[in-house]
Amino acid sequence: MKKFTKWAIGIIALLFIIGSCMRGGDDSTNNTVSKEQKPKQYIEVSIDTLLSETKANAAKAKQDYNNKDLKITGGTVRNIDSDSKYFTIEGSNQWDLMSIHVTPRNEAQKKNFVNLKKDTPITVYGTVSDVGDIMGITIKLDNFEQ
């Protein structure tokens, strides 16, 4: 029984050592790497092009744009949620049912929604978080220019 106990403790110690080696170092090194992120490189696209491509083939648009950082130009503010949970922008065809749904990343951005004006031109910078064939596209907002 003593041999079994010694073997069990040895195996556990060995697994612990192997596990700590596999971690890849201390966490302080990993934190400094994440702080040194490069600035985002936005792909510029007009809202009419984006909506047209989504209507033509939502699966292709999702493949092309999902999780991409976009600068969307040529949009017009259409709806602004009263709780600042989102606002929508649309292209030149005001009768189009598809639009771009823009959601804030933080409370500071929500506070800026009160400065938006309906039916005014806007350029939106953000990351595509969803592409759909009915409701259009959802963007996580980085910034906007009005």
C-alpha atoms as a PDB file:
ATOM      1  CA  MET A   1       0.000   0.000   0.000  1.00  0.00           C
ATOM      2  CA  LYS A   2       2.922   2.360   0.729  1.00  0.00           C
ATOM      3  CA  LYS A   3       4.301   1.797  -2.787  1.00  0.00           C
ATOM      4  CA  PHE A   4       0.904   2.674  -4.287  1.00  0.00           C
ATOM      5  CA  THR A   5       0.713   5.899  -2.261  1.00  0.00           C
ATOM      6  CA  LYS A   6       4.216   6.931  -3.313  1.00  0.00           C
ATOM      7  CA  TRP A   7       3.401   6.223  -6.974  1.00  0.00           C
ATOM      8  CA  ALA A   8       0.099   8.153  -6.764  1.00  0.00           C
ATOM      9  CA  ILE A   9       1.795  11.189  -5.198  1.00  0.00           C
ATOM     10  CA  GLY A  10       4.576  11.004  -7.792  1.00  0.00           C
ATOM     11  CA  ILE A  11       2.111  10.890 -10.680  1.00  0.00           C
ATOM     12  CA  ILE A  12       0.098  13.803  -9.283  1.00  0.00           C
ATOM     13  CA  ALA A  13       3.281  15.861  -8.816  1.00  0.00           C
ATOM     14  CA  LEU A  14       4.381  15.049 -12.365  1.00  0.00           C
ATOM     15  CA  LEU A  15       0.999  16.082 -13.792  1.00  0.00           C
ATOM     16  CA  PHE A  16       1.161  19.327 -11.815  1.00  0.00           C
ATOM     17  CA  ILE A  17       4.612  20.138 -13.203  1.00  0.00           C
ATOM     18  CA  ILE A  18       3.580  19.319 -16.779  1.00  0.00           C
ATOM     19  CA  GLY A  19       0.410  21.402 -16.396  1.00  0.00           C
ATOM     20  CA  SER A  20       2.282  24.445 -15.125  1.00  0.00           C
ATOM     21  CA  CYS A  21       4.762  24.177 -18.012  1.00  0.00           C
ATOM     22  CA  MET A  22       1.944  24.052 -20.552  1.00  0.00           C
ATOM     23  CA  ARG A  23       0.505  27.378 -19.339  1.00  0.00           C
ATOM     24  CA  GLY A  24       3.170  29.272 -21.226  1.00  0.00           C
ATOM     25  CA  GLY A  25       4.458  31.629 -18.548  1.00  0.00           C
ATOM     26  CA  ASP A  26       3.063  34.037 -16.048  1.00  0.00           C
ATOM     27  CA  ASP A  27      -0.029  36.157 -16.722  1.00  0.00           C
ATOM     28  CA  SER A  28       1.802  39.500 -16.539  1.00  0.00           C
ATOM     29  CA  THR A  29       3.419  38.836 -19.932  1.00  0.00           C
ATOM     30  CA  ASN A  30       0.041  38.072 -21.517  1.00  0.00           C
ATOM     31  CA  ASN A  31      -1.503  41.269 -20.135  1.00  0.00           C
ATOM     32  CA  THR A  32       1.144  43.499 -21.691  1.00  0.00           C
ATOM     33  CA  VAL A  33       0.604  41.894 -25.094  1.00  0.00           C
ATOM     34  CA  SER A  34      -3.139  42.621 -25.022  1.00  0.00           C
ATOM     35  CA  LYS A  35      -2.497  46.277 -24.077  1.00  0.00           C
ATOM     36  CA  GLU A  36      -0.302  46.764 -27.157  1.00  0.00           C
ATOM     37  CA  GLN A  37      -3.072  46.183 -29.698  1.00  0.00           C
ATOM     38  CA  LYS A  38      -2.742  47.834 -33.074  1.00  0.00           C
ATOM     39  CA  PRO A  39      -5.314  50.458 -34.068  1.00  0.00           C
ATOM     40  CA  LYS A  40      -8.231  49.052 -36.018  1.00  0.00           C
ATOM     41  CA  GLN A  41      -8.030  49.141 -39.785  1.00  0.00           C
ATOM     42  CA  TYR A  42     -11.550  49.888 -41.020  1.00  0.00           C
ATOM     43  CA  ILE A  43     -12.809  48.653 -44.377  1.00  0.00           C
ATOM     44  CA  GLU A  44     -14.714  51.516 -45.989  1.00  0.00           C
ATOM     45  CA  VAL A  45     -18.013  50.544 -47.573  1.00  0.00           C
ATOM     46  CA  SER A  46     -21.103  52.524 -48.536  1.00  0.00           C
ATOM     47  CA  ILE A  47     -24.324  51.598 -46.805  1.00  0.00           C
ATOM     48  CA  ASP A  48     -26.063  51.056 -50.159  1.00  0.00           C
ATOM     49  CA  THR A  49     -23.386  48.541 -51.222  1.00  0.00           C
ATOM     50  CA  LEU A  50     -23.555  46.750 -47.877  1.00  0.00           C
ATOM     51  CA  LEU A  51     -27.348  46.454 -47.919  1.00  0.00           C
ATOM     52  CA  SER A  52     -27.431  45.492 -51.601  1.00  0.00           C
ATOM     53  CA  GLU A  53     -24.910  42.677 -51.068  1.00  0.00           C
ATOM     54  CA  THR A  54     -26.833  41.451 -48.025  1.00  0.00           C
ATOM     55  CA  LYS A  55     -30.130  41.377 -49.941  1.00  0.00           C
ATOM     56  CA  ALA A  56     -28.519  39.571 -52.880  1.00  0.00           C
ATOM     57  CA  ASN A  57     -26.972  36.834 -50.707  1.00  0.00           C
ATOM     58  CA  ALA A  58     -27.031  37.093 -46.889  1.00  0.00           C
ATOM     59  CA  ALA A  59     -24.790  34.029 -46.500  1.00  0.00           C
ATOM     60  CA  LYS A  60     -22.091  35.604 -48.690  1.00  0.00           C
ATOM     61  CA  ALA A  61     -22.436  38.955 -46.931  1.00  0.00           C
ATOM     62  CA  LYS A  62     -22.060  37.207 -43.573  1.00  0.00           C
ATOM     63  CA  GLN A  63     -18.926  35.444 -44.828  1.00  0.00           C
ATOM     64  CA  ASP A  64     -17.503  38.724 -46.162  1.00  0.00           C
ATOM     65  CA  TYR A  65     -18.412  41.113 -43.334  1.00  0.00           C
ATOM     66  CA  ASN A  66     -19.108  39.266 -40.058  1.00  0.00           C
ATOM     67  CA  ASN A  67     -16.590  40.240 -37.326  1.00  0.00           C
ATOM     68  CA  LYS A  68     -14.986  42.805 -39.664  1.00  0.00           C
ATOM     69  CA  ASP A  69     -14.287  46.420 -38.708  1.00  0.00           C
ATOM     70  CA  LEU A  70     -16.180  48.698 -41.097  1.00  0.00           C
ATOM     71  CA  LYS A  71     -16.460  52.386 -41.835  1.00  0.00           C
ATOM     72  CA  ILE A  72     -19.989  52.710 -43.200  1.00  0.00           C
ATOM     73  CA  THR A  73     -20.555  55.850 -45.253  1.00  0.00           C
ATOM     74  CA  GLY A  74     -23.639  57.376 -46.870  1.00  0.00           C
ATOM     75  CA  GLY A  75     -26.075  56.403 -44.117  1.00  0.00           C
ATOM     76  CA  THR A  76     -28.964  58.365 -42.650  1.00  0.00           C
ATOM     77  CA  VAL A  77     -30.107  58.113 -39.028  1.00  0.00           C
ATOM     78  CA  ARG A  78     -33.587  56.630 -39.013  1.00  0.00           C
ATOM     79  CA  ASN A  79     -34.617  55.388 -35.541  1.00  0.00           C
ATOM     80  CA  ILE A  80     -33.130  56.188 -32.140  1.00  0.00           C
ATOM     81  CA  ASP A  81     -34.174  53.956 -29.231  1.00  0.00           C
ATOM     82  CA  SER A  82     -35.524  55.928 -26.257  1.00  0.00           C
ATOM     83  CA  ASP A  83     -33.330  53.870 -23.887  1.00  0.00           C
ATOM     84  CA  SER A  84     -30.253  54.349 -26.118  1.00  0.00           C
ATOM     85  CA  LYS A  85     -29.968  50.591 -26.681  1.00  0.00           C
ATOM     86  CA  TYR A  86     -29.537  51.100 -30.445  1.00  0.00           C
ATOM     87  CA  PHE A  87     -30.098  53.369 -33.401  1.00  0.00           C
ATOM     88  CA  THR A  88     -30.672  52.414 -37.018  1.00  0.00           C
ATOM     89  CA  ILE A  89     -29.259  53.811 -40.206  1.00  0.00           C
ATOM     90  CA  GLU A  90     -30.491  53.291 -43.727  1.00  0.00           C
ATOM     91  CA  GLY A  91     -29.303  53.918 -47.235  1.00  0.00           C
ATOM     92  CA  SER A  92     -30.659  56.066 -50.031  1.00  0.00           C
ATOM     93  CA  ASN A  93     -33.810  53.927 -50.460  1.00  0.00           C
ATOM     94  CA  GLN A  94     -35.986  55.086 -47.561  1.00  0.00           C
ATOM     95  CA  TRP A  95     -38.637  52.453 -48.380  1.00  0.00           C
ATOM     96  CA  ASP A  96     -36.201  49.595 -47.907  1.00  0.00           C
ATOM     97  CA  LEU A  97     -37.104  47.402 -44.924  1.00  0.00           C
ATOM     98  CA  MET A  98     -33.521  46.329 -44.335  1.00  0.00           C
ATOM     99  CA  SER A  99     -31.339  48.617 -42.238  1.00  0.00           C
ATOM    100  CA  ILE A 100     -28.224  48.632 -40.106  1.00  0.00           C
ATOM    101  CA  HIS A 101     -28.797  48.259 -36.379  1.00  0.00           C
ATOM    102  CA  VAL A 102     -26.051  50.032 -34.360  1.00  0.00           C
ATOM    103  CA  THR A 103     -25.533  49.064 -30.698  1.00  0.00           C
ATOM    104  CA  PRO A 104     -23.274  50.764 -28.144  1.00  0.00           C
ATOM    105  CA  ARG A 105     -20.309  49.024 -26.523  1.00  0.00           C
ATOM    106  CA  ASN A 106     -20.491  51.047 -23.278  1.00  0.00           C
ATOM    107  CA  GLU A 107     -22.421  53.616 -21.249  1.00  0.00           C
ATOM    108  CA  ALA A 108     -20.407  56.568 -22.592  1.00  0.00           C
ATOM    109  CA  GLN A 109     -21.566  55.762 -26.118  1.00  0.00           C
ATOM    110  CA  LYS A 110     -25.174  55.463 -24.920  1.00  0.00           C
ATOM    111  CA  LYS A 111     -24.932  58.994 -23.544  1.00  0.00           C
ATOM    112  CA  ASN A 112     -23.816  60.257 -26.979  1.00  0.00           C
ATOM    113  CA  PHE A 113     -26.975  58.859 -28.595  1.00  0.00           C
ATOM    114  CA  VAL A 114     -28.899  61.892 -27.312  1.00  0.00           C
ATOM    115  CA  ASN A 115     -26.810  64.030 -29.699  1.00  0.00           C
ATOM    116  CA  LEU A 116     -28.060  62.113 -32.750  1.00  0.00           C
ATOM    117  CA  LYS A 117     -30.645  63.714 -35.006  1.00  0.00           C
ATOM    118  CA  LYS A 118     -33.084  61.718 -37.073  1.00  0.00           C
ATOM    119  CA  ASP A 119     -32.891  62.035 -40.882  1.00  0.00           C
ATOM    120  CA  THR A 120     -29.312  63.377 -40.820  1.00  0.00           C
ATOM    121  CA  PRO A 121     -26.262  61.922 -42.598  1.00  0.00           C
ATOM    122  CA  ILE A 122     -23.950  59.746 -40.525  1.00  0.00           C
ATOM    123  CA  THR A 123     -20.747  57.738 -40.860  1.00  0.00           C
ATOM    124  CA  VAL A 124     -20.440  54.767 -38.507  1.00  0.00           C
ATOM    125  CA  TYR A 125     -17.276  52.961 -37.399  1.00  0.00           C
ATOM    126  CA  GLY A 126     -17.749  49.547 -35.799  1.00  0.00           C
ATOM    127  CA  THR A 127     -17.564  45.769 -35.908  1.00  0.00           C
ATOM    128  CA  VAL A 128     -20.203  43.649 -37.632  1.00  0.00           C
ATOM    129  CA  SER A 129     -21.695  41.323 -35.028  1.00  0.00           C
ATOM    130  CA  ASP A 130     -24.556  39.816 -37.060  1.00  0.00           C
ATOM    131  CA  VAL A 131     -25.777  39.605 -40.657  1.00  0.00           C
ATOM    132  CA  GLY A 132     -29.328  38.537 -41.455  1.00  0.00           C
ATOM    133  CA  ASP A 133     -31.499  38.316 -44.544  1.00  0.00           C
ATOM    134  CA  ILE A 134     -34.558  39.999 -42.971  1.00  0.00           C
ATOM    135  CA  MET A 135     -33.429  42.528 -40.371  1.00  0.00           C
ATOM    136  CA  GLY A 136     -30.120  43.428 -41.967  1.00  0.00           C
ATOM    137  CA  ILE A 137     -26.856  43.985 -40.157  1.00  0.00           C
ATOM    138  CA  THR A 138     -25.934  44.627 -36.517  1.00  0.00           C
ATOM    139  CA  ILE A 139     -22.856  46.722 -35.736  1.00  0.00           C
ATOM    140  CA  LYS A 140     -21.067  47.099 -32.394  1.00  0.00           C
ATOM    141  CA  LEU A 141     -20.272  50.810 -32.389  1.00  0.00           C
ATOM    142  CA  ASP A 142     -16.756  52.216 -32.067  1.00  0.00           C
ATOM    143  CA  ASN A 143     -17.546  55.779 -33.147  1.00  0.00           C
ATOM    144  CA  PHE A 144     -19.802  57.855 -35.351  1.00  0.00           C
ATOM    145  CA  GLU A 145     -19.549  61.153 -37.212  1.00  0.00           C
ATOM    146  CA  GLN A 146     -22.603  63.196 -37.924  1.00  0.00           C
END
